[in-house]
Amino acid sequence: MIGGNEMPVDTATFQNDMTSVQSRDDVLSLLIHLGYLAYDANTGKARIPNEEIRREFISTVRIGSHDATTRIIRNSDQLIADTIDGNEEAVAKAVEEAHSAGTFGISPLFYNDEQALRSVVKFAYISCANNYIKVEELPSGRGYADVVYIPNPGERLPVLLIELKMDTSADGAIKQIAERNYPKIFENINGEVILCGINYDSKTKKHECKIEKMIFPLDSK
């Protein structure tokens, strides 16, 4: 696939979690679920969608190991917990470390737009595949939320709504969420929505994070 080939994949057996991955098809289906592979339902084949992600796979194959995988999952688990707890400093640090580590080959040279930032954030939150459904560009209110993690049915977890910015501010990301009313789509749920704004400053190479929480229904005591 790194060479440009497409691979047939049976997505029917995938269990939508990271603990039941037992076969080649499960691995490919997970990567499709995470957005790292494109899938053509007509041909039943998967492919690497663009050059940026191809570089990411090359880097992963070069440096990957079981120990590295364990560390990535452990760090992602902690990142999710810190997001839910509202630990803004820890979240910013975790995303910054994922970037600085060159995860999936995203170097500062190519880390120059929100799409590259989104790639790092999606990988940093990779453990969400266990308990969440990931939706990108979720239409809600008067716009599209960048990345939203919606708990699987039966999971007692908050929704994670992540808005990304470049060279503005994390506060600006939260302000956009409010102004465009992205949480509106969740107004009929009973539970918590975590609003997480992440900004990357291309001059200082620093990430910052702002987290707010909403409880639905809004008139609950």
N, C-alpha and C. Protein backbone atom coordinates (compact mmCIF):
# COMPACT_ATOMS: atom_id res chain seq x y z
N MET A 1 0.83 -1.20 0.00
CA MET A 1 0.00 0.00 0.00
C MET A 1 0.87 1.26 0.00
N ILE A 2 2.00 1.20 0.68
CA ILE A 2 2.92 2.34 0.68
C ILE A 2 3.39 2.63 -0.73
N GLY A 3 3.47 1.60 -1.55
CA GLY A 3 3.89 1.77 -2.93
C GLY A 3 2.78 2.23 -3.86
N GLY A 4 1.57 2.44 -3.34
CA GLY A 4 0.47 2.94 -4.15
C GLY A 4 -0.58 1.92 -4.51
N ASN A 5 -0.45 0.68 -4.01
CA ASN A 5 -1.43 -0.35 -4.33
C ASN A 5 -2.65 -0.27 -3.42
N GLU A 6 -3.76 -0.81 -3.91
CA GLU A 6 -4.96 -0.95 -3.10
C GLU A 6 -5.03 -2.39 -2.57
N MET A 7 -5.64 -2.54 -1.40
CA MET A 7 -5.73 -3.86 -0.79
C MET A 7 -7.18 -4.21 -0.50
N PRO A 8 -7.62 -5.42 -0.85
CA PRO A 8 -8.98 -5.84 -0.49
C PRO A 8 -9.10 -6.00 1.01
N VAL A 9 -10.25 -5.62 1.57
CA VAL A 9 -10.46 -5.72 3.01
C VAL A 9 -11.92 -6.06 3.28
N ASP A 10 -12.11 -6.99 4.19
CA ASP A 10 -13.45 -7.36 4.65
C ASP A 10 -13.72 -6.62 5.96
N THR A 11 -14.55 -5.60 5.91
CA THR A 11 -14.83 -4.79 7.10
C THR A 11 -15.96 -5.35 7.95
N ALA A 12 -16.60 -6.41 7.50
CA ALA A 12 -17.80 -6.91 8.18
C ALA A 12 -17.51 -7.49 9.55
N THR A 13 -16.30 -8.00 9.76
CA THR A 13 -16.00 -8.68 11.03
C THR A 13 -15.45 -7.74 12.11
N PHE A 14 -15.22 -6.46 11.75
CA PHE A 14 -14.61 -5.53 12.71
C PHE A 14 -15.57 -5.24 13.85
N GLN A 15 -15.07 -5.29 15.11
CA GLN A 15 -15.90 -5.13 16.30
C GLN A 15 -15.90 -3.71 16.85
N ASN A 16 -15.28 -2.75 16.13
CA ASN A 16 -15.27 -1.35 16.53
C ASN A 16 -14.58 -1.12 17.87
N ASP A 17 -13.54 -1.87 18.13
CA ASP A 17 -12.72 -1.61 19.31
C ASP A 17 -11.28 -2.04 19.01
N MET A 18 -10.39 -1.76 19.97
CA MET A 18 -8.98 -2.07 19.75
C MET A 18 -8.53 -3.31 20.52
N THR A 19 -9.46 -4.00 21.16
CA THR A 19 -9.12 -5.20 21.92
C THR A 19 -9.47 -6.47 21.16
N SER A 20 -10.28 -6.35 20.11
CA SER A 20 -10.71 -7.53 19.36
C SER A 20 -10.02 -7.63 18.01
N VAL A 21 -8.92 -6.91 17.83
CA VAL A 21 -8.19 -6.93 16.56
C VAL A 21 -7.41 -8.23 16.47
N GLN A 22 -7.81 -9.11 15.56
CA GLN A 22 -7.21 -10.44 15.49
C GLN A 22 -6.70 -10.80 14.10
N SER A 23 -7.04 -10.03 13.10
CA SER A 23 -6.68 -10.41 11.74
C SER A 23 -6.24 -9.19 10.94
N ARG A 24 -5.72 -9.47 9.76
CA ARG A 24 -5.32 -8.41 8.83
C ARG A 24 -6.50 -7.50 8.51
N ASP A 25 -7.67 -8.10 8.27
CA ASP A 25 -8.85 -7.30 7.95
C ASP A 25 -9.24 -6.39 9.11
N ASP A 26 -9.08 -6.88 10.35
CA ASP A 26 -9.40 -6.06 11.52
C ASP A 26 -8.46 -4.85 11.60
N VAL A 27 -7.18 -5.08 11.31
CA VAL A 27 -6.21 -3.99 11.35
C VAL A 27 -6.54 -2.93 10.30
N LEU A 28 -6.82 -3.38 9.08
CA LEU A 28 -7.15 -2.44 8.01
C LEU A 28 -8.46 -1.71 8.31
N SER A 29 -9.43 -2.44 8.86
CA SER A 29 -10.72 -1.81 9.20
C SER A 29 -10.54 -0.75 10.28
N LEU A 30 -9.68 -1.03 11.27
CA LEU A 30 -9.40 -0.05 12.31
C LEU A 30 -8.77 1.21 11.72
N LEU A 31 -7.82 1.04 10.80
CA LEU A 31 -7.18 2.20 10.18
C LEU A 31 -8.17 2.99 9.32
N ILE A 32 -9.12 2.31 8.70
CA ILE A 32 -10.19 3.00 7.97
C ILE A 32 -11.05 3.79 8.95
N HIS A 33 -11.39 3.16 10.07
CA HIS A 33 -12.21 3.80 11.11
C HIS A 33 -11.53 5.06 11.64
N LEU A 34 -10.21 5.01 11.79
CA LEU A 34 -9.46 6.15 12.33
C LEU A 34 -9.20 7.23 11.28
N GLY A 35 -9.49 6.92 10.04
CA GLY A 35 -9.30 7.92 8.99
C GLY A 35 -7.95 7.88 8.31
N TYR A 36 -7.14 6.85 8.59
CA TYR A 36 -5.81 6.78 7.99
C TYR A 36 -5.81 6.03 6.67
N LEU A 37 -6.89 5.33 6.34
CA LEU A 37 -7.02 4.69 5.04
C LEU A 37 -8.36 5.10 4.43
N ALA A 38 -8.35 5.25 3.12
CA ALA A 38 -9.61 5.49 2.39
C ALA A 38 -10.17 4.13 1.96
N TYR A 39 -11.50 4.04 1.93
CA TYR A 39 -12.14 2.77 1.59
C TYR A 39 -13.17 2.99 0.49
N ASP A 40 -13.09 2.16 -0.56
CA ASP A 40 -14.04 2.20 -1.66
C ASP A 40 -15.02 1.06 -1.49
N ALA A 41 -16.26 1.40 -1.13
CA ALA A 41 -17.26 0.36 -0.87
C ALA A 41 -17.62 -0.41 -2.14
N ASN A 42 -17.43 0.20 -3.30
CA ASN A 42 -17.77 -0.48 -4.56
C ASN A 42 -16.77 -1.60 -4.89
N THR A 43 -15.50 -1.36 -4.61
CA THR A 43 -14.48 -2.36 -4.91
C THR A 43 -14.09 -3.19 -3.70
N GLY A 44 -14.46 -2.70 -2.49
CA GLY A 44 -14.07 -3.40 -1.27
C GLY A 44 -12.59 -3.31 -0.99
N LYS A 45 -11.94 -2.23 -1.46
CA LYS A 45 -10.50 -2.08 -1.29
C LYS A 45 -10.16 -0.81 -0.52
N ALA A 46 -9.03 -0.88 0.19
CA ALA A 46 -8.53 0.27 0.96
C ALA A 46 -7.25 0.78 0.32
N ARG A 47 -6.98 2.07 0.52
CA ARG A 47 -5.76 2.67 -0.01
C ARG A 47 -5.32 3.79 0.92
N ILE A 48 -4.05 4.15 0.83
CA ILE A 48 -3.54 5.32 1.55
C ILE A 48 -3.98 6.55 0.77
N PRO A 49 -4.69 7.47 1.42
CA PRO A 49 -5.38 8.52 0.67
C PRO A 49 -4.51 9.65 0.13
N ASN A 50 -3.36 9.93 0.75
CA ASN A 50 -2.57 11.06 0.27
C ASN A 50 -1.10 10.90 0.67
N GLU A 51 -0.27 11.80 0.16
CA GLU A 51 1.17 11.71 0.37
C GLU A 51 1.54 11.91 1.83
N GLU A 52 0.85 12.81 2.51
CA GLU A 52 1.16 13.09 3.91
C GLU A 52 1.01 11.83 4.76
N ILE A 53 -0.09 11.13 4.59
CA ILE A 53 -0.31 9.91 5.37
C ILE A 53 0.63 8.80 4.92
N ARG A 54 0.97 8.76 3.64
CA ARG A 54 1.95 7.77 3.18
C ARG A 54 3.27 7.95 3.92
N ARG A 55 3.70 9.21 4.09
CA ARG A 55 4.93 9.47 4.84
C ARG A 55 4.79 9.01 6.28
N GLU A 56 3.59 9.18 6.83
CA GLU A 56 3.35 8.76 8.21
C GLU A 56 3.53 7.25 8.36
N PHE A 57 2.97 6.49 7.40
CA PHE A 57 3.11 5.04 7.46
C PHE A 57 4.57 4.61 7.29
N ILE A 58 5.29 5.25 6.40
CA ILE A 58 6.69 4.92 6.20
C ILE A 58 7.47 5.09 7.50
N SER A 59 7.23 6.22 8.19
CA SER A 59 7.93 6.47 9.44
C SER A 59 7.55 5.44 10.50
N THR A 60 6.27 5.08 10.55
CA THR A 60 5.81 4.10 11.55
C THR A 60 6.44 2.74 11.32
N VAL A 61 6.48 2.31 10.05
CA VAL A 61 7.09 1.02 9.72
C VAL A 61 8.57 1.02 10.09
N ARG A 62 9.22 2.18 9.90
CA ARG A 62 10.65 2.27 10.16
C ARG A 62 10.98 2.15 11.64
N ILE A 63 10.17 2.81 12.50
CA ILE A 63 10.54 2.88 13.92
C ILE A 63 9.62 2.07 14.82
N GLY A 64 8.59 1.44 14.25
CA GLY A 64 7.58 0.81 15.08
C GLY A 64 8.10 -0.42 15.83
N SER A 65 7.50 -0.67 17.00
CA SER A 65 7.79 -1.87 17.79
C SER A 65 6.63 -2.10 18.74
N HIS A 66 6.58 -3.28 19.35
CA HIS A 66 5.50 -3.55 20.30
C HIS A 66 5.59 -2.60 21.50
N ASP A 67 6.81 -2.32 21.95
CA ASP A 67 6.97 -1.40 23.07
C ASP A 67 6.46 -0.01 22.71
N ALA A 68 6.75 0.42 21.49
CA ALA A 68 6.28 1.74 21.05
C ALA A 68 4.76 1.77 20.99
N THR A 69 4.16 0.68 20.49
CA THR A 69 2.70 0.64 20.41
C THR A 69 2.08 0.71 21.80
N THR A 70 2.64 -0.04 22.74
CA THR A 70 2.12 -0.01 24.12
C THR A 70 2.21 1.39 24.71
N ARG A 71 3.32 2.06 24.45
CA ARG A 71 3.50 3.41 24.98
C ARG A 71 2.50 4.39 24.36
N ILE A 72 2.27 4.26 23.06
CA ILE A 72 1.31 5.13 22.38
C ILE A 72 -0.08 4.96 22.96
N ILE A 73 -0.51 3.71 23.17
CA ILE A 73 -1.84 3.46 23.72
C ILE A 73 -1.95 3.97 25.14
N ARG A 74 -0.92 3.74 25.94
CA ARG A 74 -0.93 4.22 27.33
C ARG A 74 -1.01 5.75 27.38
N ASN A 75 -0.25 6.42 26.54
CA ASN A 75 -0.28 7.88 26.50
C ASN A 75 -1.64 8.39 26.04
N SER A 76 -2.24 7.67 25.08
CA SER A 76 -3.55 8.08 24.59
C SER A 76 -4.62 7.90 25.67
N ASP A 77 -4.55 6.80 26.41
CA ASP A 77 -5.49 6.59 27.52
C ASP A 77 -5.41 7.75 28.52
N GLN A 78 -4.18 8.17 28.83
CA GLN A 78 -3.99 9.26 29.78
C GLN A 78 -4.51 10.58 29.20
N LEU A 79 -4.30 10.79 27.91
CA LEU A 79 -4.78 12.01 27.26
C LEU A 79 -6.30 12.11 27.34
N ILE A 80 -6.98 11.01 27.10
CA ILE A 80 -8.44 11.01 27.18
C ILE A 80 -8.89 11.34 28.60
N ALA A 81 -8.24 10.73 29.59
CA ALA A 81 -8.58 11.00 30.99
C ALA A 81 -8.34 12.47 31.32
N ASP A 82 -7.23 13.03 30.86
CA ASP A 82 -6.91 14.44 31.13
C ASP A 82 -7.92 15.37 30.45
N THR A 83 -8.37 15.00 29.27
CA THR A 83 -9.38 15.80 28.57
C THR A 83 -10.69 15.82 29.35
N ILE A 84 -11.10 14.66 29.81
CA ILE A 84 -12.35 14.57 30.57
C ILE A 84 -12.24 15.31 31.90
N ASP A 85 -11.05 15.27 32.51
CA ASP A 85 -10.83 15.95 33.79
C ASP A 85 -10.62 17.45 33.62
N GLY A 86 -10.47 17.93 32.39
CA GLY A 86 -10.27 19.35 32.16
C GLY A 86 -8.86 19.83 32.43
N ASN A 87 -7.88 18.93 32.33
CA ASN A 87 -6.49 19.28 32.58
C ASN A 87 -5.88 19.86 31.30
N GLU A 88 -6.06 21.16 31.11
CA GLU A 88 -5.67 21.81 29.86
C GLU A 88 -4.17 21.72 29.59
N GLU A 89 -3.38 21.92 30.62
CA GLU A 89 -1.93 21.89 30.45
C GLU A 89 -1.45 20.51 30.01
N ALA A 90 -2.02 19.47 30.61
CA ALA A 90 -1.61 18.10 30.25
C ALA A 90 -2.03 17.75 28.83
N VAL A 91 -3.20 18.21 28.42
CA VAL A 91 -3.66 17.93 27.05
C VAL A 91 -2.76 18.62 26.03
N ALA A 92 -2.45 19.89 26.27
CA ALA A 92 -1.57 20.63 25.36
C ALA A 92 -0.20 19.96 25.28
N LYS A 93 0.31 19.52 26.42
CA LYS A 93 1.62 18.87 26.46
C LYS A 93 1.60 17.56 25.70
N ALA A 94 0.53 16.78 25.84
CA ALA A 94 0.44 15.48 25.18
C ALA A 94 0.39 15.63 23.66
N VAL A 95 -0.39 16.60 23.18
CA VAL A 95 -0.47 16.83 21.73
C VAL A 95 0.87 17.33 21.21
N GLU A 96 1.51 18.21 21.99
CA GLU A 96 2.81 18.74 21.60
C GLU A 96 3.86 17.63 21.53
N GLU A 97 3.83 16.71 22.48
CA GLU A 97 4.78 15.60 22.48
C GLU A 97 4.52 14.67 21.30
N ALA A 98 3.25 14.45 20.95
CA ALA A 98 2.94 13.61 19.79
C ALA A 98 3.49 14.23 18.51
N HIS A 99 3.41 15.55 18.43
CA HIS A 99 3.98 16.26 17.28
C HIS A 99 5.49 16.19 17.28
N SER A 100 6.10 16.53 18.43
CA SER A 100 7.56 16.58 18.52
C SER A 100 8.20 15.23 18.30
N ALA A 101 7.49 14.15 18.66
CA ALA A 101 8.03 12.81 18.49
C ALA A 101 8.06 12.38 17.03
N GLY A 102 7.44 13.19 16.16
CA GLY A 102 7.41 12.83 14.75
C GLY A 102 6.47 11.67 14.48
N THR A 103 5.45 11.51 15.31
CA THR A 103 4.51 10.41 15.14
C THR A 103 3.93 10.41 13.73
N PHE A 104 4.03 9.24 13.06
CA PHE A 104 3.57 9.06 11.69
C PHE A 104 4.25 10.02 10.74
N GLY A 105 5.48 10.50 11.12
CA GLY A 105 6.27 11.25 10.16
C GLY A 105 5.84 12.69 9.96
N ILE A 106 5.01 13.27 10.82
CA ILE A 106 4.58 14.65 10.64
C ILE A 106 5.64 15.55 11.26
N SER A 107 6.49 16.11 10.44
CA SER A 107 7.57 16.96 10.90
C SER A 107 7.12 18.41 10.86
N PRO A 108 7.85 19.33 11.54
CA PRO A 108 7.49 20.74 11.49
C PRO A 108 7.39 21.29 10.08
N LEU A 109 8.16 20.70 9.12
CA LEU A 109 8.12 21.18 7.76
C LEU A 109 6.73 21.05 7.15
N PHE A 110 6.02 19.99 7.50
CA PHE A 110 4.70 19.75 6.93
C PHE A 110 3.57 20.07 7.91
N TYR A 111 3.93 20.44 9.11
CA TYR A 111 2.93 20.70 10.15
C TYR A 111 2.53 22.17 10.07
N ASN A 112 1.91 22.53 8.95
CA ASN A 112 1.67 23.94 8.70
C ASN A 112 0.23 24.29 8.38
N ASP A 113 -0.69 23.39 8.68
CA ASP A 113 -2.10 23.72 8.49
C ASP A 113 -2.94 22.88 9.45
N GLU A 114 -4.24 23.17 9.47
CA GLU A 114 -5.11 22.47 10.41
C GLU A 114 -5.26 21.00 10.08
N GLN A 115 -5.08 20.62 8.81
CA GLN A 115 -5.18 19.21 8.45
C GLN A 115 -4.06 18.41 9.08
N ALA A 116 -2.84 18.97 9.09
CA ALA A 116 -1.73 18.29 9.73
C ALA A 116 -1.94 18.21 11.23
N LEU A 117 -2.43 19.31 11.81
CA LEU A 117 -2.75 19.30 13.24
C LEU A 117 -3.80 18.24 13.54
N ARG A 118 -4.78 18.14 12.67
CA ARG A 118 -5.84 17.15 12.89
C ARG A 118 -5.27 15.73 12.87
N SER A 119 -4.30 15.46 11.97
CA SER A 119 -3.70 14.14 11.91
C SER A 119 -3.02 13.78 13.22
N VAL A 120 -2.30 14.73 13.80
CA VAL A 120 -1.63 14.49 15.08
C VAL A 120 -2.66 14.26 16.18
N VAL A 121 -3.70 15.10 16.22
CA VAL A 121 -4.72 14.99 17.27
C VAL A 121 -5.45 13.65 17.17
N LYS A 122 -5.81 13.22 15.97
CA LYS A 122 -6.50 11.94 15.81
C LYS A 122 -5.63 10.79 16.30
N PHE A 123 -4.34 10.85 15.99
CA PHE A 123 -3.47 9.78 16.45
C PHE A 123 -3.28 9.84 17.96
N ALA A 124 -3.18 11.06 18.52
CA ALA A 124 -3.01 11.18 19.97
C ALA A 124 -4.21 10.60 20.71
N TYR A 125 -5.40 10.71 20.11
CA TYR A 125 -6.62 10.18 20.73
C TYR A 125 -6.98 8.79 20.20
N ILE A 126 -5.99 8.04 19.76
CA ILE A 126 -6.26 6.76 19.10
C ILE A 126 -7.02 5.78 19.99
N SER A 127 -6.83 5.86 21.32
CA SER A 127 -7.52 4.93 22.22
C SER A 127 -9.02 5.15 22.25
N CYS A 128 -9.50 6.26 21.70
CA CYS A 128 -10.94 6.48 21.64
C CYS A 128 -11.64 5.40 20.81
N ALA A 129 -10.88 4.70 19.97
CA ALA A 129 -11.47 3.64 19.16
C ALA A 129 -12.09 2.55 20.01
N ASN A 130 -11.67 2.43 21.28
CA ASN A 130 -12.23 1.41 22.17
C ASN A 130 -13.67 1.70 22.55
N ASN A 131 -13.98 2.97 22.78
CA ASN A 131 -15.27 3.31 23.38
C ASN A 131 -16.07 4.37 22.62
N TYR A 132 -15.49 4.91 21.56
CA TYR A 132 -16.12 6.03 20.86
C TYR A 132 -16.24 5.78 19.36
N ILE A 133 -17.15 6.52 18.76
CA ILE A 133 -17.24 6.63 17.31
C ILE A 133 -16.69 8.00 16.94
N LYS A 134 -15.72 8.04 16.03
CA LYS A 134 -15.12 9.31 15.62
C LYS A 134 -15.85 9.87 14.42
N VAL A 135 -16.20 11.17 14.49
CA VAL A 135 -16.83 11.85 13.37
C VAL A 135 -16.06 13.12 13.09
N GLU A 136 -15.64 13.30 11.85
CA GLU A 136 -14.95 14.52 11.45
C GLU A 136 -15.91 15.42 10.68
N GLU A 137 -15.72 16.75 10.85
CA GLU A 137 -16.56 17.73 10.18
C GLU A 137 -18.04 17.44 10.45
N LEU A 138 -18.38 17.29 11.72
CA LEU A 138 -19.76 16.99 12.09
C LEU A 138 -20.62 18.24 11.91
N PRO A 139 -21.65 18.19 11.05
CA PRO A 139 -22.49 19.37 10.85
C PRO A 139 -23.39 19.60 12.07
N SER A 140 -23.33 20.80 12.61
CA SER A 140 -24.14 21.12 13.79
C SER A 140 -24.19 22.63 13.94
N GLY A 141 -25.35 23.13 14.38
CA GLY A 141 -25.47 24.58 14.56
C GLY A 141 -25.27 25.29 13.24
N ARG A 142 -24.29 26.19 13.21
CA ARG A 142 -24.03 26.97 11.99
C ARG A 142 -22.63 26.67 11.43
N GLY A 143 -22.25 25.42 11.44
CA GLY A 143 -20.94 25.06 10.91
C GLY A 143 -20.64 23.59 11.09
N TYR A 144 -19.35 23.28 11.14
CA TYR A 144 -18.90 21.90 11.24
C TYR A 144 -17.85 21.79 12.32
N ALA A 145 -18.09 20.94 13.30
CA ALA A 145 -17.10 20.69 14.35
C ALA A 145 -15.98 19.84 13.78
N ASP A 146 -14.73 20.18 14.10
CA ASP A 146 -13.58 19.52 13.49
C ASP A 146 -13.55 18.02 13.75
N VAL A 147 -13.46 17.62 15.02
CA VAL A 147 -13.40 16.20 15.38
C VAL A 147 -14.29 15.98 16.60
N VAL A 148 -15.19 15.02 16.50
CA VAL A 148 -16.10 14.72 17.61
C VAL A 148 -16.03 13.22 17.90
N TYR A 149 -15.86 12.89 19.17
CA TYR A 149 -15.89 11.50 19.61
C TYR A 149 -17.18 11.27 20.39
N ILE A 150 -18.03 10.41 19.83
CA ILE A 150 -19.35 10.12 20.41
C ILE A 150 -19.29 8.73 21.06
N PRO A 151 -19.65 8.63 22.34
CA PRO A 151 -19.56 7.33 23.01
C PRO A 151 -20.39 6.26 22.31
N ASN A 152 -19.86 5.05 22.27
CA ASN A 152 -20.63 3.93 21.76
C ASN A 152 -21.88 3.72 22.63
N PRO A 153 -22.94 3.16 22.05
CA PRO A 153 -24.15 2.89 22.84
C PRO A 153 -23.82 2.09 24.10
N GLY A 154 -24.35 2.55 25.22
CA GLY A 154 -24.14 1.87 26.49
C GLY A 154 -22.94 2.37 27.27
N GLU A 155 -22.09 3.19 26.64
CA GLU A 155 -20.91 3.72 27.33
C GLU A 155 -21.30 4.96 28.14
N ARG A 156 -20.93 5.00 29.41
CA ARG A 156 -21.19 6.16 30.26
C ARG A 156 -19.99 7.10 30.23
N LEU A 157 -19.82 7.73 29.10
CA LEU A 157 -18.70 8.62 28.87
C LEU A 157 -19.20 9.92 28.25
N PRO A 158 -18.47 11.02 28.43
CA PRO A 158 -18.90 12.27 27.82
C PRO A 158 -18.55 12.31 26.34
N VAL A 159 -19.29 13.12 25.60
CA VAL A 159 -18.93 13.43 24.23
C VAL A 159 -17.69 14.32 24.27
N LEU A 160 -16.75 14.08 23.35
CA LEU A 160 -15.56 14.93 23.23
C LEU A 160 -15.66 15.70 21.92
N LEU A 161 -15.79 17.02 22.00
CA LEU A 161 -15.89 17.87 20.81
C LEU A 161 -14.62 18.70 20.73
N ILE A 162 -13.81 18.47 19.70
CA ILE A 162 -12.49 19.09 19.59
C ILE A 162 -12.46 20.05 18.41
N GLU A 163 -12.12 21.30 18.68
CA GLU A 163 -11.99 22.32 17.64
C GLU A 163 -10.52 22.73 17.55
N LEU A 164 -10.00 22.79 16.32
CA LEU A 164 -8.57 23.02 16.10
C LEU A 164 -8.33 24.38 15.45
N LYS A 165 -7.24 25.03 15.86
CA LYS A 165 -6.88 26.32 15.31
C LYS A 165 -5.37 26.38 15.06
N MET A 166 -4.98 27.19 14.11
CA MET A 166 -3.58 27.47 13.84
C MET A 166 -3.35 28.97 13.98
N ASP A 167 -2.35 29.35 14.77
CA ASP A 167 -1.92 30.74 14.89
C ASP A 167 -3.03 31.69 15.32
N THR A 168 -3.94 31.20 16.15
CA THR A 168 -4.94 32.08 16.77
C THR A 168 -4.86 31.87 18.27
N SER A 169 -5.84 31.17 18.84
CA SER A 169 -5.79 30.87 20.27
C SER A 169 -6.77 29.75 20.58
N ALA A 170 -6.50 29.04 21.67
CA ALA A 170 -7.42 28.01 22.13
C ALA A 170 -8.73 28.64 22.59
N ASP A 171 -8.64 29.84 23.19
CA ASP A 171 -9.86 30.56 23.57
C ASP A 171 -10.70 30.86 22.34
N GLY A 172 -10.03 31.19 21.22
CA GLY A 172 -10.75 31.46 19.99
C GLY A 172 -11.47 30.23 19.48
N ALA A 173 -10.88 29.06 19.68
CA ALA A 173 -11.54 27.82 19.28
C ALA A 173 -12.81 27.59 20.09
N ILE A 174 -12.71 27.81 21.40
CA ILE A 174 -13.89 27.66 22.26
C ILE A 174 -14.95 28.69 21.88
N LYS A 175 -14.52 29.92 21.58
CA LYS A 175 -15.46 30.97 21.19
C LYS A 175 -16.19 30.58 19.91
N GLN A 176 -15.48 29.99 18.96
CA GLN A 176 -16.12 29.56 17.71
C GLN A 176 -17.15 28.47 17.98
N ILE A 177 -16.82 27.54 18.88
CA ILE A 177 -17.78 26.50 19.24
C ILE A 177 -19.08 27.11 19.73
N ALA A 178 -18.95 28.16 20.59
CA ALA A 178 -20.14 28.81 21.15
C ALA A 178 -20.89 29.62 20.09
N GLU A 179 -20.14 30.41 19.31
CA GLU A 179 -20.77 31.28 18.32
C GLU A 179 -21.51 30.50 17.25
N ARG A 180 -20.96 29.38 16.86
CA ARG A 180 -21.59 28.57 15.81
C ARG A 180 -22.47 27.46 16.37
N ASN A 181 -22.55 27.43 17.69
CA ASN A 181 -23.48 26.53 18.38
C ASN A 181 -23.29 25.07 17.99
N TYR A 182 -22.02 24.62 17.94
CA TYR A 182 -21.74 23.24 17.59
C TYR A 182 -22.41 22.22 18.53
N PRO A 183 -22.53 22.52 19.84
CA PRO A 183 -23.13 21.50 20.73
C PRO A 183 -24.62 21.29 20.51
N LYS A 184 -25.25 22.08 19.65
CA LYS A 184 -26.70 21.99 19.47
C LYS A 184 -27.16 20.58 19.14
N ILE A 185 -26.34 19.85 18.37
CA ILE A 185 -26.74 18.51 17.96
C ILE A 185 -26.91 17.56 19.14
N PHE A 186 -26.33 17.92 20.29
CA PHE A 186 -26.40 17.06 21.47
C PHE A 186 -27.42 17.54 22.49
N GLU A 187 -28.27 18.51 22.13
CA GLU A 187 -29.15 19.13 23.11
C GLU A 187 -30.21 18.18 23.66
N ASN A 188 -30.44 17.08 22.98
CA ASN A 188 -31.46 16.13 23.45
C ASN A 188 -30.87 14.95 24.22
N ILE A 189 -29.59 15.00 24.50
CA ILE A 189 -28.99 13.92 25.28
C ILE A 189 -29.03 14.27 26.77
N ASN A 190 -28.83 13.27 27.58
CA ASN A 190 -28.65 13.47 29.01
C ASN A 190 -27.21 13.12 29.35
N GLY A 191 -26.40 14.11 29.49
CA GLY A 191 -25.00 13.81 29.77
C GLY A 191 -24.11 15.01 29.56
N GLU A 192 -22.81 14.73 29.51
CA GLU A 192 -21.80 15.77 29.48
C GLU A 192 -21.14 15.84 28.10
N VAL A 193 -20.87 17.07 27.68
CA VAL A 193 -20.12 17.30 26.45
C VAL A 193 -18.88 18.11 26.82
N ILE A 194 -17.71 17.55 26.50
CA ILE A 194 -16.44 18.23 26.76
C ILE A 194 -16.07 19.04 25.52
N LEU A 195 -15.92 20.34 25.67
CA LEU A 195 -15.50 21.22 24.59
C LEU A 195 -14.01 21.47 24.72
N CYS A 196 -13.25 21.05 23.74
CA CYS A 196 -11.79 21.14 23.81
C CYS A 196 -11.26 21.92 22.62
N GLY A 197 -10.68 23.09 22.89
CA GLY A 197 -10.07 23.89 21.84
C GLY A 197 -8.56 23.73 21.89
N ILE A 198 -7.94 23.42 20.74
CA ILE A 198 -6.49 23.24 20.67
C ILE A 198 -5.94 24.17 19.59
N ASN A 199 -4.93 24.95 19.95
CA ASN A 199 -4.31 25.86 19.00
C ASN A 199 -2.82 25.55 18.90
N TYR A 200 -2.29 25.65 17.67
CA TYR A 200 -0.85 25.49 17.44
C TYR A 200 -0.29 26.79 16.91
N ASP A 201 0.75 27.30 17.58
CA ASP A 201 1.42 28.52 17.16
C ASP A 201 2.64 28.13 16.32
N SER A 202 2.60 28.42 15.03
CA SER A 202 3.66 27.98 14.14
C SER A 202 4.97 28.72 14.38
N LYS A 203 4.93 29.87 15.05
CA LYS A 203 6.15 30.61 15.34
C LYS A 203 6.86 30.08 16.59
N THR A 204 6.10 29.88 17.64
CA THR A 204 6.70 29.40 18.90
C THR A 204 6.76 27.88 18.96
N LYS A 205 6.03 27.19 18.03
CA LYS A 205 5.94 25.72 18.01
C LYS A 205 5.26 25.18 19.26
N LYS A 206 4.42 26.00 19.88
CA LYS A 206 3.73 25.60 21.10
C LYS A 206 2.25 25.32 20.82
N HIS A 207 1.73 24.37 21.60
CA HIS A 207 0.30 24.08 21.59
C HIS A 207 -0.32 24.61 22.86
N GLU A 208 -1.55 25.04 22.76
CA GLU A 208 -2.30 25.43 23.96
C GLU A 208 -3.70 24.82 23.89
N CYS A 209 -4.30 24.67 25.05
CA CYS A 209 -5.60 24.00 25.12
C CYS A 209 -6.52 24.76 26.07
N LYS A 210 -7.78 24.81 25.69
CA LYS A 210 -8.83 25.36 26.56
C LYS A 210 -9.96 24.36 26.60
N ILE A 211 -10.43 24.04 27.80
CA ILE A 211 -11.49 23.04 27.96
C ILE A 211 -12.66 23.63 28.75
N GLU A 212 -13.85 23.42 28.25
CA GLU A 212 -15.07 23.77 28.97
C GLU A 212 -16.01 22.57 28.93
N LYS A 213 -16.95 22.54 29.84
CA LYS A 213 -17.89 21.43 29.91
C LYS A 213 -19.32 21.93 29.87
N MET A 214 -20.17 21.17 29.21
CA MET A 214 -21.60 21.46 29.17
C MET A 214 -22.36 20.21 29.64
N ILE A 215 -23.40 20.43 30.42
CA ILE A 215 -24.25 19.34 30.88
C ILE A 215 -25.61 19.48 30.22
N PHE A 216 -26.04 18.44 29.55
CA PHE A 216 -27.37 18.44 28.91
C PHE A 216 -28.30 17.52 29.69
N PRO A 217 -29.60 17.88 29.80
CA PRO A 217 -30.20 19.11 29.30
C PRO A 217 -29.68 20.33 30.07
N LEU A 218 -29.65 21.49 29.40
CA LEU A 218 -29.04 22.69 29.97
C LEU A 218 -29.75 23.20 31.21
N ASP A 219 -31.02 22.86 31.36
CA ASP A 219 -31.75 23.34 32.52
C ASP A 219 -31.70 22.36 33.70
N SER A 220 -30.83 21.32 33.58
CA SER A 220 -30.73 20.36 34.68
C SER A 220 -30.03 21.00 35.86
N LYS A 221 -30.36 20.56 37.06
CA LYS A 221 -29.80 21.10 38.29
C LYS A 221 -28.69 20.21 38.78
